[in-house]
Structures are given as structure tokens and as C-alpha cells.
Amino acid sequence: MAEQELLDKYAPTLDMLETKEAYLLDGDLYIRYEFRDPEELQTRMTYHKVGGDNVVSDDNLVLLGVWARAQKNGERVK
């Protein structure tokens, strides 16, 4: 079971509607983020390693291999 302290730390990110899937791995939060592209009006998915600031941006994107490792070895929290 995930530590409550970590869950509290990442609560703003976990509560966002756009966060569809989340895993904890080695104290870091990895999320699958889905949003509607305003230009093309299509749903897009991106994968992020969220830091302590709980900001989801292009600066913390991860590659699919990193995301797959988080899915396989991490603890699902959402």
C-alpha cells in the first residue's frame, strides 16, 4: 500500500480530471495525462514524471519505456 504521506503530497495531481492513470515508483509519481487538443479537437495522451511541485508540463514528459517500467514495477494509485 502506498504511503499516505506520498499520496497527500501528490493529491492535487491525482485529483485532476485529466489524470487517468497513476503509479508510484521509488517515491516518484508517474501519470498518464489525457487532454483535449484545442487546435485539432482530439484527445491526446502524454506521460509524465511529476515532481514535488505537482506541475504537469512539457518539461516532465517521459518516454514510453519509462512509463512501461512504472506500470510494471510501480504501485497503481489511480
Protein backbone atom coordinates (compact mmCIF):
# COMPACT_ATOMS: atom_id res chain seq x y z
CA MET A 1 0.00 0.00 0.00
CA ALA A 2 1.26 3.47 -0.89
CA GLU A 3 2.43 5.65 1.94
CA GLN A 4 -0.21 8.16 2.94
CA GLU A 5 2.40 10.92 3.06
CA LEU A 6 3.19 10.45 -0.65
CA LEU A 7 -0.48 10.28 -1.55
CA ASP A 8 -1.12 13.53 0.31
CA LYS A 9 1.84 15.15 -1.43
CA TYR A 10 0.53 14.24 -4.89
CA ALA A 11 -3.19 14.68 -4.10
CA PRO A 12 -3.66 17.77 -6.35
CA THR A 13 -2.30 15.87 -9.35
CA LEU A 14 -4.22 12.68 -8.56
CA ASP A 15 -7.48 14.61 -8.19
CA MET A 16 -7.23 16.28 -11.61
CA LEU A 17 -9.80 15.05 -14.11
CA GLU A 18 -7.11 14.81 -16.80
CA THR A 19 -5.04 12.33 -14.75
CA LYS A 20 -6.32 8.98 -15.98
CA GLU A 21 -3.76 6.56 -14.54
CA ALA A 22 -1.03 6.95 -11.92
CA TYR A 23 1.74 4.81 -10.43
CA LEU A 24 4.23 5.33 -7.60
CA LEU A 25 7.72 4.01 -8.25
CA ASP A 26 10.67 4.73 -5.97
CA GLY A 27 8.87 7.70 -4.41
CA ASP A 28 8.08 9.34 -7.77
CA LEU A 29 4.64 9.69 -9.34
CA TYR A 30 4.17 8.72 -12.98
CA ILE A 31 0.90 9.66 -14.66
CA ARG A 32 -0.97 9.22 -17.91
CA TYR A 33 -2.45 12.61 -18.72
CA GLU A 34 -5.29 12.96 -21.24
CA PHE A 35 -6.43 16.30 -22.56
CA ARG A 36 -8.35 17.72 -25.48
CA ASP A 37 -6.12 19.39 -28.05
CA PRO A 38 -7.68 22.85 -28.62
CA GLU A 39 -6.39 23.10 -32.19
CA GLU A 40 -7.38 19.69 -33.53
CA LEU A 41 -10.17 18.95 -31.03
CA GLN A 42 -8.87 15.43 -30.44
CA THR A 43 -7.92 13.68 -27.25
CA ARG A 44 -4.17 13.47 -26.62
CA MET A 45 -2.24 11.37 -24.11
CA THR A 46 1.08 12.26 -22.57
CA TYR A 47 3.13 10.56 -19.87
CA HIS A 48 4.80 12.49 -17.06
CA LYS A 49 7.03 12.07 -14.03
CA VAL A 50 5.55 14.53 -11.55
CA GLY A 51 7.83 16.37 -9.18
CA GLY A 52 7.10 17.81 -5.76
CA ASP A 53 5.57 20.92 -7.29
CA ASN A 54 2.68 18.86 -8.77
CA VAL A 55 3.01 20.59 -12.12
CA VAL A 56 2.23 18.67 -15.29
CA SER A 57 4.11 20.31 -18.16
CA ASP A 58 6.16 19.50 -21.23
CA ASP A 59 9.26 19.75 -19.05
CA ASN A 60 8.50 16.50 -17.22
CA LEU A 61 7.47 14.25 -20.11
CA VAL A 62 8.78 10.67 -20.04
CA LEU A 63 9.32 8.17 -22.82
CA LEU A 64 7.04 5.17 -23.21
CA GLY A 65 9.76 2.82 -21.94
CA VAL A 66 9.91 4.71 -18.65
CA TRP A 67 6.10 4.71 -18.44
CA ALA A 68 6.02 0.94 -19.10
CA ARG A 69 8.54 0.34 -16.30
CA ALA A 70 6.40 2.43 -13.93
CA GLN A 71 3.32 0.39 -14.91
CA LYS A 72 5.11 -2.90 -14.46
CA ASN A 73 7.07 -2.22 -11.28
CA GLY A 74 5.16 0.62 -9.63
CA GLU A 75 2.15 0.65 -7.35
CA ARG A 76 -1.06 1.78 -9.02
CA VAL A 77 -2.66 4.66 -7.12
CA LYS A 78 -5.25 5.72 -9.69
